[in-house]
Amino acid sequence: MEIAKELDKLSAKLDDVDEMISSAIASDPQVQTLLSGTADVWMPVITAGAEERLNFTASLADDDDLSNKETTTDNTSSS
């Protein structure tokens, strides 16, 4: 029963977010352009399940590790 209440709260919050996005898109063409142009980045995250989100987090951590290695390599070679 408690889980159902939490799910109802989350659904209500998502409805609020959807309403805010919809009104922002309707009132500002720049918002529509920005969201449309970046949908390939944020849409998979929003629609992903919990396990898929963990995979996104893991891949971001891997990207950070790679960036840190490249920075270290770049700093070493430029000395």
C-alpha atoms as a PDB file:
ATOM      1  CA  MET A   1       0.000   0.000   0.000  1.00  0.00           C
ATOM      2  CA  GLU A   2       2.864   2.386   0.832  1.00  0.00           C
ATOM      3  CA  ILE A   3       4.519   1.726  -2.521  1.00  0.00           C
ATOM      4  CA  ALA A   4       1.290   2.588  -4.324  1.00  0.00           C
ATOM      5  CA  LYS A   5       1.117   5.930  -2.482  1.00  0.00           C
ATOM      6  CA  GLU A   6       4.713   6.733  -3.451  1.00  0.00           C
ATOM      7  CA  LEU A   7       4.007   5.819  -7.060  1.00  0.00           C
ATOM      8  CA  ASP A   8       0.966   8.113  -7.015  1.00  0.00           C
ATOM      9  CA  LYS A   9       3.147  10.959  -5.695  1.00  0.00           C
ATOM     10  CA  LEU A  10       5.748  10.352  -8.391  1.00  0.00           C
ATOM     11  CA  SER A  11       3.068  10.245 -11.082  1.00  0.00           C
ATOM     12  CA  ALA A  12       1.687  13.560  -9.862  1.00  0.00           C
ATOM     13  CA  LYS A  13       5.173  15.094  -9.969  1.00  0.00           C
ATOM     14  CA  LEU A  14       5.704  13.799 -13.503  1.00  0.00           C
ATOM     15  CA  ASP A  15       2.368  15.281 -14.529  1.00  0.00           C
ATOM     16  CA  ASP A  16       3.493  18.642 -13.113  1.00  0.00           C
ATOM     17  CA  VAL A  17       6.786  18.453 -15.014  1.00  0.00           C
ATOM     18  CA  ASP A  18       4.962  17.518 -18.210  1.00  0.00           C
ATOM     19  CA  GLU A  19       2.652  20.503 -17.776  1.00  0.00           C
ATOM     20  CA  MET A  20       5.586  22.863 -17.182  1.00  0.00           C
ATOM     21  CA  ILE A  21       7.433  21.603 -20.248  1.00  0.00           C
ATOM     22  CA  SER A  22       4.332  21.778 -22.409  1.00  0.00           C
ATOM     23  CA  SER A  23       3.549  25.338 -21.373  1.00  0.00           C
ATOM     24  CA  ALA A  24       7.191  26.406 -21.873  1.00  0.00           C
ATOM     25  CA  ILE A  25       7.206  24.890 -25.360  1.00  0.00           C
ATOM     26  CA  ALA A  26       3.909  26.565 -26.217  1.00  0.00           C
ATOM     27  CA  SER A  27       5.005  29.994 -25.008  1.00  0.00           C
ATOM     28  CA  ASP A  28       8.611  30.110 -26.243  1.00  0.00           C
ATOM     29  CA  PRO A  29       9.777  28.835 -29.646  1.00  0.00           C
ATOM     30  CA  GLN A  30      13.395  28.835 -28.423  1.00  0.00           C
ATOM     31  CA  VAL A  31      12.497  26.314 -25.731  1.00  0.00           C
ATOM     32  CA  GLN A  32      10.855  24.127 -28.342  1.00  0.00           C
ATOM     33  CA  THR A  33      13.938  24.338 -30.558  1.00  0.00           C
ATOM     34  CA  LEU A  34      16.288  23.575 -27.677  1.00  0.00           C
ATOM     35  CA  LEU A  35      14.306  20.591 -26.427  1.00  0.00           C
ATOM     36  CA  SER A  36      13.805  19.224 -29.931  1.00  0.00           C
ATOM     37  CA  GLY A  37      17.477  19.613 -30.776  1.00  0.00           C
ATOM     38  CA  THR A  38      18.669  17.841 -27.639  1.00  0.00           C
ATOM     39  CA  ALA A  39      15.981  15.146 -27.332  1.00  0.00           C
ATOM     40  CA  ASP A  40      18.451  12.435 -28.318  1.00  0.00           C
ATOM     41  CA  VAL A  41      20.368  13.239 -25.114  1.00  0.00           C
ATOM     42  CA  TRP A  42      17.638  13.633 -22.497  1.00  0.00           C
ATOM     43  CA  MET A  43      14.805  11.470 -23.827  1.00  0.00           C
ATOM     44  CA  PRO A  44      16.548   8.096 -23.289  1.00  0.00           C
ATOM     45  CA  VAL A  45      17.317   9.076 -19.692  1.00  0.00           C
ATOM     46  CA  ILE A  46      13.743  10.082 -18.937  1.00  0.00           C
ATOM     47  CA  THR A  47      12.207   6.986 -20.490  1.00  0.00           C
ATOM     48  CA  ALA A  48      14.780   4.524 -19.114  1.00  0.00           C
ATOM     49  CA  GLY A  49      14.036   2.037 -16.381  1.00  0.00           C
ATOM     50  CA  ALA A  50      16.078   1.839 -13.183  1.00  0.00           C
ATOM     51  CA  GLU A  51      18.566  -0.694 -14.573  1.00  0.00           C
ATOM     52  CA  GLU A  52      19.092   1.317 -17.748  1.00  0.00           C
ATOM     53  CA  ARG A  53      19.751   4.446 -15.663  1.00  0.00           C
ATOM     54  CA  LEU A  54      22.452   2.565 -13.782  1.00  0.00           C
ATOM     55  CA  ASN A  55      24.062   1.756 -17.122  1.00  0.00           C
ATOM     56  CA  PHE A  56      23.978   5.468 -18.072  1.00  0.00           C
ATOM     57  CA  THR A  57      25.656   6.315 -14.777  1.00  0.00           C
ATOM     58  CA  ALA A  58      28.303   3.655 -15.303  1.00  0.00           C
ATOM     59  CA  SER A  59      29.045   4.879 -18.833  1.00  0.00           C
ATOM     60  CA  LEU A  60      29.359   8.463 -17.587  1.00  0.00           C
ATOM     61  CA  ALA A  61      31.852   7.331 -14.953  1.00  0.00           C
ATOM     62  CA  ASP A  62      33.819   5.515 -17.664  1.00  0.00           C
ATOM     63  CA  ASP A  63      33.842   8.711 -19.756  1.00  0.00           C
ATOM     64  CA  ASP A  64      35.150  10.679 -16.755  1.00  0.00           C
ATOM     65  CA  ASP A  65      37.920   8.124 -16.224  1.00  0.00           C
ATOM     66  CA  LEU A  66      38.879   8.390 -19.886  1.00  0.00           C
ATOM     67  CA  SER A  67      38.905  12.197 -19.728  1.00  0.00           C
ATOM     68  CA  ASN A  68      41.120  12.135 -16.644  1.00  0.00           C
ATOM     69  CA  LYS A  69      43.574   9.756 -18.347  1.00  0.00           C
ATOM     70  CA  GLU A  70      43.685  11.958 -21.444  1.00  0.00           C
ATOM     71  CA  THR A  71      44.290  15.056 -19.308  1.00  0.00           C
ATOM     72  CA  THR A  72      47.095  13.326 -17.461  1.00  0.00           C
ATOM     73  CA  THR A  73      48.616  12.156 -20.730  1.00  0.00           C
ATOM     74  CA  ASP A  74      48.260  15.617 -22.256  1.00  0.00           C
ATOM     75  CA  ASN A  75      49.856  17.290 -19.243  1.00  0.00           C
ATOM     76  CA  THR A  76      52.747  14.838 -19.250  1.00  0.00           C
ATOM     77  CA  SER A  77      53.477  15.225 -22.950  1.00  0.00           C
ATOM     78  CA  SER A  78      53.317  19.038 -22.881  1.00  0.00           C
ATOM     79  CA  SER A  79      55.894  19.398 -20.087  1.00  0.00           C
END
